[in-house]
Amino acid sequence: MVVEIQPGADALQALIGDHEFRPYRNYRVLSRKRQDAVMRAEIQKALGSAGAQALTVRHDWHMAAAVVFQPLEWDTAFFGVPMARLSHLLRAPDAARDVLEVAIDASLAHARDLGIAHVTARADVADAEGVAALESRGFLLMDALMTYIYHPKRDLPPPVKEMGLLRPYRAEDLPQILDITREAFHGFRGRFHLDPHLPDDRCDELYIEWARGACAFRIADVVLVTENERGEIHGWTSYRKIEPVSTVGGMPIFGAGLGACRRSKPGAYAGLIRGGAALVHGQGGVAECQTQNYNFSTIRVYEALGFQYVRADYTFHAWLR
C-alpha cells in the first residue's frame, strides 16, 4: 500500500536509520548519528517545496521503501520545462527492488498529476538495486560524479606553481569570468547537454547564469581568480558552505561551486583548487570538489593536491511526455 507521510513521521525516520547509502558515510568527519540527522534535515528541506511529497511503501506491515519527490522551481523557469527530482531513495535492508519500484511509480504518478515533464534522480554507485529500479522505470543515465575532499586534520600540501596571482574576485572581473566560462562550457558533455530534451543553447547558458550567480554571491560564499601582471584572468573558482550538513553535522563543508580556466591556461586550475582548500582548511572545514568520472586531468589535480575520493553518484533523467 502506498501512503503519504509528513516530514518527521516515525516511519520515515526508521528508514533513514536503516539506510545503507548515506552520502557522507566515507567522509570520516560525521558520526553515524550525525549522518542520520543530516539526512532528516535534507528531507525536511526538500519537503518544504510546494508540491513535494514523501511517498512510502509498506510491506508486511513494515515500512519498506520511500521516495522523496521535490518540484524544481528555478530549473522549471530557466528551461521552460516543468521539472522535479527524486531527492532521496530509501529502502529497508531486506526490501526487494520491486518495493522501491512501487514508490518510484507513485512519485512519477504524482509528477504527472502536477504536469511535470522532466524528473531527475541520483543514486549512489554502490546502490545497484536503486540503479536498477530507476532504469526499470524509464530513467536514463546522464552523468557519473566523483567527489573528493580535503580532510581538515591533514596538513595542507606545499604551494603549487601558480600561473599568475591568486586573489579574491572583484566586480570588474565579471566580463572576463563570463568569457572564460562561455568558452569552457560550450558543448560541455554534462548531464544537461547529454539530455536530448533540453536545448543546447540553454544548457550553455546555464553555466553562464551559474557564474553570474556565484559572482553576485547569491550561490557562492567565496570566488577566487588568478591573473597575470597585465590583469588578464587565467581562471576562476567558487564555493559555498553546504547546508544543512554544515550546521546539522557540526562540521563545515565547503563546495558545490563552479570554476573554469582559459583553454590556453589549464595549469591555473591547480593553484585555484589549492588556494580554495587552504582557505577552507584555515576555517577547520572540509573542502569538497566534484567532477565527472571521465575527467582524468581534473582527477589527477585533486589527487596530486592530496584530496581523497569519498563518494560517487549516478544521475538519471526521465521524460514523462
C-alpha atoms as a PDB file:
ATOM      1  CA  MET A   1       0.000   0.000   0.000  1.00  0.00           C
ATOM      2  CA  VAL A   2       1.320   3.460  -0.913  1.00  0.00           C
ATOM      3  CA  VAL A   3       0.785   6.181   1.680  1.00  0.00           C
ATOM      4  CA  GLU A   4       1.896   9.772   2.061  1.00  0.00           C
ATOM      5  CA  ILE A   5       3.601  10.697   5.309  1.00  0.00           C
ATOM      6  CA  GLN A   6       4.591  14.096   6.635  1.00  0.00           C
ATOM      7  CA  PRO A   7       8.112  15.368   7.447  1.00  0.00           C
ATOM      8  CA  GLY A   8       9.397  13.858  10.659  1.00  0.00           C
ATOM      9  CA  ALA A   9       6.994  10.898  10.636  1.00  0.00           C
ATOM     10  CA  ASP A  10       8.253   7.954  12.653  1.00  0.00           C
ATOM     11  CA  ALA A  11       8.057   5.529   9.733  1.00  0.00           C
ATOM     12  CA  LEU A  12      10.320   7.629   7.538  1.00  0.00           C
ATOM     13  CA  GLN A  13      12.703   8.082  10.452  1.00  0.00           C
ATOM     14  CA  ALA A  14      13.081   4.312  10.667  1.00  0.00           C
ATOM     15  CA  LEU A  15      14.039   4.096   7.004  1.00  0.00           C
ATOM     16  CA  ILE A  16      16.628   6.827   7.483  1.00  0.00           C
ATOM     17  CA  GLY A  17      18.169   4.842  10.322  1.00  0.00           C
ATOM     18  CA  ASP A  18      18.381   1.722   8.150  1.00  0.00           C
ATOM     19  CA  HIS A  19      19.603   3.460   5.002  1.00  0.00           C
ATOM     20  CA  GLU A  20      22.879   1.937   3.833  1.00  0.00           C
ATOM     21  CA  PHE A  21      23.992   4.545   1.297  1.00  0.00           C
ATOM     22  CA  ARG A  22      24.475   7.696   3.353  1.00  0.00           C
ATOM     23  CA  PRO A  23      26.166  10.358   1.228  1.00  0.00           C
ATOM     24  CA  TYR A  24      28.666  11.306   3.953  1.00  0.00           C
ATOM     25  CA  ARG A  25      29.493   7.811   5.207  1.00  0.00           C
ATOM     26  CA  ASN A  26      33.062   7.845   3.832  1.00  0.00           C
ATOM     27  CA  TYR A  27      33.989  11.430   4.755  1.00  0.00           C
ATOM     28  CA  ARG A  28      35.115  10.338   8.252  1.00  0.00           C
ATOM     29  CA  VAL A  29      34.069  13.644   9.771  1.00  0.00           C
ATOM     30  CA  LEU A  30      30.471  12.845  10.837  1.00  0.00           C
ATOM     31  CA  SER A  31      29.299  10.177  13.247  1.00  0.00           C
ATOM     32  CA  ARG A  32      26.539   7.757  12.241  1.00  0.00           C
ATOM     33  CA  LYS A  33      24.123   9.717  14.439  1.00  0.00           C
ATOM     34  CA  ARG A  34      25.071  12.987  12.746  1.00  0.00           C
ATOM     35  CA  GLN A  35      24.712  11.426   9.299  1.00  0.00           C
ATOM     36  CA  ASP A  36      21.141  10.406  10.180  1.00  0.00           C
ATOM     37  CA  ALA A  37      20.411  13.911  11.458  1.00  0.00           C
ATOM     38  CA  VAL A  38      21.740  15.431   8.244  1.00  0.00           C
ATOM     39  CA  MET A  39      19.551  13.181   6.098  1.00  0.00           C
ATOM     40  CA  ARG A  40      16.494  14.068   8.174  1.00  0.00           C
ATOM     41  CA  ALA A  41      17.272  17.767   7.715  1.00  0.00           C
ATOM     42  CA  GLU A  42      17.810  17.342   3.964  1.00  0.00           C
ATOM     43  CA  ILE A  43      14.465  15.569   3.594  1.00  0.00           C
ATOM     44  CA  GLN A  44      12.652  18.185   5.665  1.00  0.00           C
ATOM     45  CA  LYS A  45      14.168  20.905   3.479  1.00  0.00           C
ATOM     46  CA  ALA A  46      13.061  19.121   0.287  1.00  0.00           C
ATOM     47  CA  LEU A  47       9.552  18.640   1.655  1.00  0.00           C
ATOM     48  CA  GLY A  48       9.293  22.368   2.244  1.00  0.00           C
ATOM     49  CA  SER A  49       8.850  22.914  -1.525  1.00  0.00           C
ATOM     50  CA  ALA A  50       5.355  23.381  -2.920  1.00  0.00           C
ATOM     51  CA  GLY A  51       4.092  20.056  -4.286  1.00  0.00           C
ATOM     52  CA  ALA A  52       6.792  17.990  -2.535  1.00  0.00           C
ATOM     53  CA  GLN A  53       5.857  14.594  -1.112  1.00  0.00           C
ATOM     54  CA  ALA A  54       7.394  11.640   0.695  1.00  0.00           C
ATOM     55  CA  LEU A  55       5.764   8.532  -0.783  1.00  0.00           C
ATOM     56  CA  THR A  56       6.327   5.339   1.129  1.00  0.00           C
ATOM     57  CA  VAL A  57       5.524   1.663   0.683  1.00  0.00           C
ATOM     58  CA  ARG A  58       4.509  -0.681   3.494  1.00  0.00           C
ATOM     59  CA  HIS A  59       5.211  -4.372   3.024  1.00  0.00           C
ATOM     60  CA  ASP A  60       4.154  -6.999   5.556  1.00  0.00           C
ATOM     61  CA  TRP A  61       3.151  -4.175   7.922  1.00  0.00           C
ATOM     62  CA  HIS A  62       6.644  -2.687   7.851  1.00  0.00           C
ATOM     63  CA  MET A  63       7.834   0.480   6.144  1.00  0.00           C
ATOM     64  CA  ALA A  64       9.935  -0.932   3.310  1.00  0.00           C
ATOM     65  CA  ALA A  65      10.782   1.940   0.930  1.00  0.00           C
ATOM     66  CA  ALA A  66      10.291   5.657   0.362  1.00  0.00           C
ATOM     67  CA  VAL A  67      10.919   8.229  -2.341  1.00  0.00           C
ATOM     68  CA  VAL A  68      11.094  11.968  -1.669  1.00  0.00           C
ATOM     69  CA  PHE A  69       9.695  13.995  -4.582  1.00  0.00           C
ATOM     70  CA  GLN A  70      10.539  17.690  -4.989  1.00  0.00           C
ATOM     71  CA  PRO A  71       9.473  20.107  -7.767  1.00  0.00           C
ATOM     72  CA  LEU A  72      12.297  22.331  -9.058  1.00  0.00           C
ATOM     73  CA  GLU A  73      11.098  25.903  -9.362  1.00  0.00           C
ATOM     74  CA  TRP A  74      14.325  27.503 -10.616  1.00  0.00           C
ATOM     75  CA  ASP A  75      15.055  24.772 -13.174  1.00  0.00           C
ATOM     76  CA  THR A  76      11.480  24.954 -14.467  1.00  0.00           C
ATOM     77  CA  ALA A  77      11.734  28.702 -15.011  1.00  0.00           C
ATOM     78  CA  PHE A  78      15.170  28.503 -16.635  1.00  0.00           C
ATOM     79  CA  PHE A  79      14.484  25.702 -19.133  1.00  0.00           C
ATOM     80  CA  GLY A  80      10.787  26.429 -19.640  1.00  0.00           C
ATOM     81  CA  VAL A  81      10.052  22.768 -18.855  1.00  0.00           C
ATOM     82  CA  PRO A  82       8.219  21.641 -15.680  1.00  0.00           C
ATOM     83  CA  MET A  83      10.947  19.856 -13.697  1.00  0.00           C
ATOM     84  CA  ALA A  84      11.268  17.899 -10.465  1.00  0.00           C
ATOM     85  CA  ARG A  85      13.635  15.481  -8.778  1.00  0.00           C
ATOM     86  CA  LEU A  86      13.565  12.399  -6.618  1.00  0.00           C
ATOM     87  CA  SER A  87      15.858  13.747  -3.930  1.00  0.00           C
ATOM     88  CA  HIS A  88      16.077  10.571  -1.811  1.00  0.00           C
ATOM     89  CA  LEU A  89      15.539   6.872  -2.483  1.00  0.00           C
ATOM     90  CA  LEU A  90      15.298   4.925   0.781  1.00  0.00           C
ATOM     91  CA  ARG A  91      14.888   1.191   1.210  1.00  0.00           C
ATOM     92  CA  ALA A  92      14.924  -1.153   4.188  1.00  0.00           C
ATOM     93  CA  PRO A  93      17.853  -3.615   4.066  1.00  0.00           C
ATOM     94  CA  ASP A  94      15.582  -6.615   3.459  1.00  0.00           C
ATOM     95  CA  ALA A  95      13.248  -4.903   0.978  1.00  0.00           C
ATOM     96  CA  ALA A  96      13.161  -6.231  -2.577  1.00  0.00           C
ATOM     97  CA  ARG A  97      13.759  -3.980  -5.561  1.00  0.00           C
ATOM     98  CA  ASP A  98      10.107  -4.137  -6.644  1.00  0.00           C
ATOM     99  CA  VAL A  99       9.078  -2.419  -3.405  1.00  0.00           C
ATOM    100  CA  LEU A 100      11.229   0.579  -4.322  1.00  0.00           C
ATOM    101  CA  GLU A 101       9.800   0.459  -7.842  1.00  0.00           C
ATOM    102  CA  VAL A 102       6.304   0.870  -6.373  1.00  0.00           C
ATOM    103  CA  ALA A 103       7.436   4.017  -4.560  1.00  0.00           C
ATOM    104  CA  ILE A 104       9.029   5.376  -7.756  1.00  0.00           C
ATOM    105  CA  ASP A 105       5.849   4.654  -9.720  1.00  0.00           C
ATOM    106  CA  ALA A 106       3.807   6.550  -7.135  1.00  0.00           C
ATOM    107  CA  SER A 107       6.192   9.511  -7.333  1.00  0.00           C
ATOM    108  CA  LEU A 108       6.008   9.614 -11.131  1.00  0.00           C
ATOM    109  CA  ALA A 109       2.206   9.441 -10.973  1.00  0.00           C
ATOM    110  CA  HIS A 110       2.269  12.421  -8.619  1.00  0.00           C
ATOM    111  CA  ALA A 111       4.610  14.219 -11.027  1.00  0.00           C
ATOM    112  CA  ARG A 112       2.213  13.681 -13.921  1.00  0.00           C
ATOM    113  CA  ASP A 113      -0.665  14.981 -11.814  1.00  0.00           C
ATOM    114  CA  LEU A 114       1.337  18.193 -11.322  1.00  0.00           C
ATOM    115  CA  GLY A 115       2.144  18.465 -15.036  1.00  0.00           C
ATOM    116  CA  ILE A 116       5.852  17.672 -14.524  1.00  0.00           C
ATOM    117  CA  ALA A 117       7.647  16.658 -17.714  1.00  0.00           C
ATOM    118  CA  HIS A 118      11.241  16.100 -16.585  1.00  0.00           C
ATOM    119  CA  VAL A 119      12.427  14.242 -13.475  1.00  0.00           C
ATOM    120  CA  THR A 120      15.989  13.928 -12.169  1.00  0.00           C
ATOM    121  CA  ALA A 121      17.201  11.267  -9.750  1.00  0.00           C
ATOM    122  CA  ARG A 122      20.577  10.490  -8.246  1.00  0.00           C
ATOM    123  CA  ALA A 123      21.760   7.143  -6.893  1.00  0.00           C
ATOM    124  CA  ASP A 124      24.903   6.104  -5.063  1.00  0.00           C
ATOM    125  CA  VAL A 125      27.022   3.948  -7.372  1.00  0.00           C
ATOM    126  CA  ALA A 126      27.035   1.216  -4.713  1.00  0.00           C
ATOM    127  CA  ASP A 127      23.222   1.065  -4.711  1.00  0.00           C
ATOM    128  CA  ALA A 128      22.825  -1.424  -7.548  1.00  0.00           C
ATOM    129  CA  GLU A 129      19.217  -2.167  -6.627  1.00  0.00           C
ATOM    130  CA  GLY A 130      18.338   1.526  -6.633  1.00  0.00           C
ATOM    131  CA  VAL A 131      20.008   1.993 -10.017  1.00  0.00           C
ATOM    132  CA  ALA A 132      18.132  -0.997 -11.454  1.00  0.00           C
ATOM    133  CA  ALA A 133      14.822   0.302 -10.053  1.00  0.00           C
ATOM    134  CA  LEU A 134      15.309   3.688 -11.725  1.00  0.00           C
ATOM    135  CA  GLU A 135      16.289   2.121 -15.047  1.00  0.00           C
ATOM    136  CA  SER A 136      13.276  -0.200 -14.949  1.00  0.00           C
ATOM    137  CA  ARG A 137      11.062   2.902 -14.672  1.00  0.00           C
ATOM    138  CA  GLY A 138      12.491   4.624 -17.734  1.00  0.00           C
ATOM    139  CA  PHE A 139      15.268   6.697 -16.208  1.00  0.00           C
ATOM    140  CA  LEU A 140      18.358   7.102 -18.403  1.00  0.00           C
ATOM    141  CA  LEU A 141      21.916   7.573 -17.154  1.00  0.00           C
ATOM    142  CA  MET A 142      23.182  11.105 -17.807  1.00  0.00           C
ATOM    143  CA  ASP A 143      26.157  11.624 -15.522  1.00  0.00           C
ATOM    144  CA  ALA A 144      28.583   9.934 -13.141  1.00  0.00           C
ATOM    145  CA  LEU A 145      30.061  12.239 -10.500  1.00  0.00           C
ATOM    146  CA  MET A 146      33.054  11.591  -8.270  1.00  0.00           C
ATOM    147  CA  THR A 147      33.513  13.556  -5.050  1.00  0.00           C
ATOM    148  CA  TYR A 148      36.871  14.318  -3.428  1.00  0.00           C
ATOM    149  CA  ILE A 149      37.529  16.066  -0.122  1.00  0.00           C
ATOM    150  CA  TYR A 150      40.467  17.587   1.705  1.00  0.00           C
ATOM    151  CA  HIS A 151      40.243  16.440   5.325  1.00  0.00           C
ATOM    152  CA  PRO A 152      40.647  19.247   7.898  1.00  0.00           C
ATOM    153  CA  LYS A 153      43.030  17.212  10.082  1.00  0.00           C
ATOM    154  CA  ARG A 154      45.586  16.788   7.312  1.00  0.00           C
ATOM    155  CA  ASP A 155      48.440  19.218   6.742  1.00  0.00           C
ATOM    156  CA  LEU A 156      47.997  21.252   3.601  1.00  0.00           C
ATOM    157  CA  PRO A 157      50.206  20.272   0.647  1.00  0.00           C
ATOM    158  CA  PRO A 158      53.030  22.681  -0.198  1.00  0.00           C
ATOM    159  CA  PRO A 159      52.049  25.530  -2.528  1.00  0.00           C
ATOM    160  CA  VAL A 160      51.920  24.601  -6.202  1.00  0.00           C
ATOM    161  CA  LYS A 161      53.372  26.591  -9.061  1.00  0.00           C
ATOM    162  CA  GLU A 162      50.621  29.093  -9.741  1.00  0.00           C
ATOM    163  CA  MET A 163      50.003  30.715 -13.083  1.00  0.00           C
ATOM    164  CA  GLY A 164      49.638  34.336 -12.031  1.00  0.00           C
ATOM    165  CA  LEU A 165      48.443  35.971  -8.837  1.00  0.00           C
ATOM    166  CA  LEU A 166      45.730  34.248  -6.803  1.00  0.00           C
ATOM    167  CA  ARG A 167      43.329  36.781  -5.301  1.00  0.00           C
ATOM    168  CA  PRO A 168      39.660  37.320  -4.358  1.00  0.00           C
ATOM    169  CA  TYR A 169      37.168  38.237  -7.074  1.00  0.00           C
ATOM    170  CA  ARG A 170      36.421  41.900  -7.802  1.00  0.00           C
ATOM    171  CA  ALA A 171      33.349  43.236  -9.590  1.00  0.00           C
ATOM    172  CA  GLU A 172      35.362  44.362 -12.608  1.00  0.00           C
ATOM    173  CA  ASP A 173      36.409  40.723 -13.194  1.00  0.00           C
ATOM    174  CA  LEU A 174      32.905  39.679 -14.239  1.00  0.00           C
ATOM    175  CA  PRO A 175      33.223  40.161 -18.045  1.00  0.00           C
ATOM    176  CA  GLN A 176      36.390  38.057 -18.194  1.00  0.00           C
ATOM    177  CA  ILE A 177      34.883  35.372 -15.957  1.00  0.00           C
ATOM    178  CA  LEU A 178      31.815  35.131 -18.185  1.00  0.00           C
ATOM    179  CA  ASP A 179      34.018  34.874 -21.294  1.00  0.00           C
ATOM    180  CA  ILE A 180      36.122  32.120 -19.691  1.00  0.00           C
ATOM    181  CA  THR A 181      33.008  30.227 -18.602  1.00  0.00           C
ATOM    182  CA  ARG A 182      31.361  30.584 -22.017  1.00  0.00           C
ATOM    183  CA  GLU A 183      34.423  29.133 -23.735  1.00  0.00           C
ATOM    184  CA  ALA A 184      34.958  26.342 -21.186  1.00  0.00           C
ATOM    185  CA  PHE A 185      31.369  25.034 -21.107  1.00  0.00           C
ATOM    186  CA  HIS A 186      30.302  25.431 -24.727  1.00  0.00           C
ATOM    187  CA  GLY A 187      29.178  21.939 -25.759  1.00  0.00           C
ATOM    188  CA  PHE A 188      30.249  20.537 -22.392  1.00  0.00           C
ATOM    189  CA  ARG A 189      29.338  16.841 -22.049  1.00  0.00           C
ATOM    190  CA  GLY A 190      27.497  17.155 -18.757  1.00  0.00           C
ATOM    191  CA  ARG A 191      24.073  15.825 -17.847  1.00  0.00           C
ATOM    192  CA  PHE A 192      22.205  18.767 -19.330  1.00  0.00           C
ATOM    193  CA  HIS A 193      23.953  18.729 -22.719  1.00  0.00           C
ATOM    194  CA  LEU A 194      23.538  14.954 -22.972  1.00  0.00           C
ATOM    195  CA  ASP A 195      19.785  15.201 -22.450  1.00  0.00           C
ATOM    196  CA  PRO A 196      18.091  15.310 -25.895  1.00  0.00           C
ATOM    197  CA  HIS A 197      15.031  17.034 -24.388  1.00  0.00           C
ATOM    198  CA  LEU A 198      16.974  20.157 -23.395  1.00  0.00           C
ATOM    199  CA  PRO A 199      18.141  22.741 -25.971  1.00  0.00           C
ATOM    200  CA  ASP A 200      21.905  23.148 -26.280  1.00  0.00           C
ATOM    201  CA  ASP A 201      21.792  26.944 -26.127  1.00  0.00           C
ATOM    202  CA  ARG A 202      20.035  26.873 -22.752  1.00  0.00           C
ATOM    203  CA  CYS A 203      22.472  24.237 -21.499  1.00  0.00           C
ATOM    204  CA  ASP A 204      25.371  26.544 -22.413  1.00  0.00           C
ATOM    205  CA  GLU A 205      23.620  29.497 -20.788  1.00  0.00           C
ATOM    206  CA  LEU A 206      23.076  27.530 -17.565  1.00  0.00           C
ATOM    207  CA  TYR A 207      26.784  27.744 -16.747  1.00  0.00           C
ATOM    208  CA  ILE A 208      26.887  31.442 -17.607  1.00  0.00           C
ATOM    209  CA  GLU A 209      23.963  32.031 -15.243  1.00  0.00           C
ATOM    210  CA  TRP A 210      25.722  29.921 -12.606  1.00  0.00           C
ATOM    211  CA  ALA A 211      28.831  32.097 -12.946  1.00  0.00           C
ATOM    212  CA  ARG A 212      26.738  35.274 -12.627  1.00  0.00           C
ATOM    213  CA  GLY A 213      25.045  33.929  -9.511  1.00  0.00           C
ATOM    214  CA  ALA A 214      28.383  32.966  -7.967  1.00  0.00           C
ATOM    215  CA  CYS A 215      29.951  36.355  -8.698  1.00  0.00           C
ATOM    216  CA  ALA A 216      26.916  38.081  -7.184  1.00  0.00           C
ATOM    217  CA  PHE A 217      27.457  35.866  -4.100  1.00  0.00           C
ATOM    218  CA  ARG A 218      23.915  34.527  -4.351  1.00  0.00           C
ATOM    219  CA  ILE A 219      25.090  30.919  -4.708  1.00  0.00           C
ATOM    220  CA  ALA A 220      28.707  31.234  -3.563  1.00  0.00           C
ATOM    221  CA  ASP A 221      30.460  32.472  -0.444  1.00  0.00           C
ATOM    222  CA  VAL A 222      33.947  32.726  -1.968  1.00  0.00           C
ATOM    223  CA  VAL A 223      35.132  33.467  -5.514  1.00  0.00           C
ATOM    224  CA  LEU A 224      38.841  33.369  -6.419  1.00  0.00           C
ATOM    225  CA  VAL A 225      40.694  34.277  -9.616  1.00  0.00           C
ATOM    226  CA  THR A 226      44.223  34.057 -10.950  1.00  0.00           C
ATOM    227  CA  GLU A 227      45.545  36.892 -13.108  1.00  0.00           C
ATOM    228  CA  ASN A 228      48.808  37.863 -14.791  1.00  0.00           C
ATOM    229  CA  GLU A 229      50.683  41.149 -14.477  1.00  0.00           C
ATOM    230  CA  ARG A 230      48.504  42.699 -17.214  1.00  0.00           C
ATOM    231  CA  GLY A 231      45.282  41.982 -15.358  1.00  0.00           C
ATOM    232  CA  GLU A 232      44.276  39.104 -17.636  1.00  0.00           C
ATOM    233  CA  ILE A 233      42.428  36.428 -15.713  1.00  0.00           C
ATOM    234  CA  HIS A 234      43.570  32.856 -16.358  1.00  0.00           C
ATOM    235  CA  GLY A 235      40.840  31.112 -14.375  1.00  0.00           C
ATOM    236  CA  TRP A 236      38.376  31.319 -11.521  1.00  0.00           C
ATOM    237  CA  THR A 237      36.664  29.126  -8.950  1.00  0.00           C
ATOM    238  CA  SER A 238      33.850  29.454  -6.433  1.00  0.00           C
ATOM    239  CA  TYR A 239      32.432  27.543  -3.500  1.00  0.00           C
ATOM    240  CA  ARG A 240      29.880  27.895  -0.738  1.00  0.00           C
ATOM    241  CA  LYS A 241      29.105  26.475   2.677  1.00  0.00           C
ATOM    242  CA  ILE A 242      26.870  23.475   2.060  1.00  0.00           C
ATOM    243  CA  GLU A 243      23.700  23.247   4.121  1.00  0.00           C
ATOM    244  CA  PRO A 244      22.097  21.693   6.047  1.00  0.00           C
ATOM    245  CA  VAL A 245      25.061  19.378   6.545  1.00  0.00           C
ATOM    246  CA  SER A 246      27.423  22.077   7.857  1.00  0.00           C
ATOM    247  CA  THR A 247      25.072  23.216  10.617  1.00  0.00           C
ATOM    248  CA  VAL A 248      23.370  19.929  11.484  1.00  0.00           C
ATOM    249  CA  GLY A 249      26.518  17.856  11.104  1.00  0.00           C
ATOM    250  CA  GLY A 250      28.621  20.252  13.160  1.00  0.00           C
ATOM    251  CA  MET A 251      31.409  20.254  10.545  1.00  0.00           C
ATOM    252  CA  PRO A 252      31.549  22.994   7.884  1.00  0.00           C
ATOM    253  CA  ILE A 253      31.745  21.527   4.392  1.00  0.00           C
ATOM    254  CA  PHE A 254      32.514  23.870   1.503  1.00  0.00           C
ATOM    255  CA  GLY A 255      31.938  23.004  -2.146  1.00  0.00           C
ATOM    256  CA  ALA A 256      29.066  22.977  -4.657  1.00  0.00           C
ATOM    257  CA  GLY A 257      30.919  25.518  -6.760  1.00  0.00           C
ATOM    258  CA  LEU A 258      31.785  26.241 -10.350  1.00  0.00           C
ATOM    259  CA  GLY A 259      35.045  27.288 -11.940  1.00  0.00           C
ATOM    260  CA  ALA A 260      36.870  27.332 -15.247  1.00  0.00           C
ATOM    261  CA  CYS A 261      40.185  28.212 -16.849  1.00  0.00           C
ATOM    262  CA  ARG A 262      41.090  29.509 -20.258  1.00  0.00           C
ATOM    263  CA  ARG A 263      41.799  26.587 -22.528  1.00  0.00           C
ATOM    264  CA  SER A 264      45.253  28.036 -23.121  1.00  0.00           C
ATOM    265  CA  LYS A 265      45.944  28.174 -19.344  1.00  0.00           C
ATOM    266  CA  PRO A 266      44.872  24.820 -17.857  1.00  0.00           C
ATOM    267  CA  GLY A 267      47.727  24.925 -15.371  1.00  0.00           C
ATOM    268  CA  ALA A 268      45.954  27.668 -13.423  1.00  0.00           C
ATOM    269  CA  TYR A 269      43.430  25.165 -12.090  1.00  0.00           C
ATOM    270  CA  ALA A 270      45.738  23.513  -9.551  1.00  0.00           C
ATOM    271  CA  GLY A 271      46.569  26.852  -7.933  1.00  0.00           C
ATOM    272  CA  LEU A 272      42.888  27.758  -7.691  1.00  0.00           C
ATOM    273  CA  ILE A 273      41.909  24.455  -6.074  1.00  0.00           C
ATOM    274  CA  ARG A 274      44.832  24.567  -3.663  1.00  0.00           C
ATOM    275  CA  GLY A 275      44.039  28.180  -2.763  1.00  0.00           C
ATOM    276  CA  GLY A 276      40.404  27.367  -2.041  1.00  0.00           C
ATOM    277  CA  ALA A 277      41.381  24.332   0.028  1.00  0.00           C
ATOM    278  CA  ALA A 278      43.791  26.461   2.064  1.00  0.00           C
ATOM    279  CA  LEU A 279      41.059  28.973   2.919  1.00  0.00           C
ATOM    280  CA  VAL A 280      38.641  26.211   3.951  1.00  0.00           C
ATOM    281  CA  HIS A 281      41.370  24.427   5.912  1.00  0.00           C
ATOM    282  CA  GLY A 282      42.032  27.638   7.820  1.00  0.00           C
ATOM    283  CA  GLN A 283      38.407  27.573   8.996  1.00  0.00           C
ATOM    284  CA  GLY A 284      38.674  23.966  10.151  1.00  0.00           C
ATOM    285  CA  GLY A 285      36.343  22.826   7.376  1.00  0.00           C
ATOM    286  CA  VAL A 286      36.161  20.175   4.683  1.00  0.00           C
ATOM    287  CA  ALA A 287      36.916  21.270   1.109  1.00  0.00           C
ATOM    288  CA  GLU A 288      34.808  19.288  -1.382  1.00  0.00           C
ATOM    289  CA  CYS A 289      35.292  19.024  -5.158  1.00  0.00           C
ATOM    290  CA  GLN A 290      33.312  17.113  -7.778  1.00  0.00           C
ATOM    291  CA  THR A 291      33.910  16.128 -11.374  1.00  0.00           C
ATOM    292  CA  GLN A 292      32.784  13.537 -13.915  1.00  0.00           C
ATOM    293  CA  ASN A 293      34.396  10.108 -13.684  1.00  0.00           C
ATOM    294  CA  TYR A 294      35.899  10.516 -17.158  1.00  0.00           C
ATOM    295  CA  ASN A 295      37.621  13.845 -16.358  1.00  0.00           C
ATOM    296  CA  PHE A 296      41.013  12.289 -15.689  1.00  0.00           C
ATOM    297  CA  SER A 297      43.018  15.512 -15.901  1.00  0.00           C
ATOM    298  CA  THR A 298      40.955  17.112 -13.131  1.00  0.00           C
ATOM    299  CA  ILE A 299      41.018  13.948 -11.018  1.00  0.00           C
ATOM    300  CA  ARG A 300      44.824  13.948 -11.268  1.00  0.00           C
ATOM    301  CA  VAL A 301      44.875  17.524  -9.945  1.00  0.00           C
ATOM    302  CA  TYR A 302      42.750  16.532  -6.948  1.00  0.00           C
ATOM    303  CA  GLU A 303      44.941  13.530  -6.195  1.00  0.00           C
ATOM    304  CA  ALA A 304      48.188  15.488  -6.613  1.00  0.00           C
ATOM    305  CA  LEU A 305      46.929  18.024  -4.076  1.00  0.00           C
ATOM    306  CA  GLY A 306      46.063  15.319  -1.558  1.00  0.00           C
ATOM    307  CA  PHE A 307      42.289  15.248  -1.957  1.00  0.00           C
ATOM    308  CA  GLN A 308      40.678  11.899  -1.112  1.00  0.00           C
ATOM    309  CA  TYR A 309      37.993  10.053  -3.075  1.00  0.00           C
ATOM    310  CA  VAL A 310      34.942   9.647  -0.822  1.00  0.00           C
ATOM    311  CA  ARG A 311      31.795   9.362  -2.928  1.00  0.00           C
ATOM    312  CA  ALA A 312      30.379   8.594  -6.375  1.00  0.00           C
ATOM    313  CA  ASP A 313      26.878   9.063  -7.751  1.00  0.00           C
ATOM    314  CA  TYR A 314      24.971   8.365 -10.948  1.00  0.00           C
ATOM    315  CA  THR A 315      22.490  10.967 -12.200  1.00  0.00           C
ATOM    316  CA  PHE A 316      19.439   9.902 -14.182  1.00  0.00           C
ATOM    317  CA  HIS A 317      16.791  11.787 -16.157  1.00  0.00           C
ATOM    318  CA  ALA A 318      13.285  10.658 -17.092  1.00  0.00           C
ATOM    319  CA  TRP A 319      10.985  12.319 -19.616  1.00  0.00           C
ATOM    320  CA  LEU A 320       7.295  11.928 -18.816  1.00  0.00           C
ATOM    321  CA  ARG A 321       5.741  13.158 -22.055  1.00  0.00           C
END
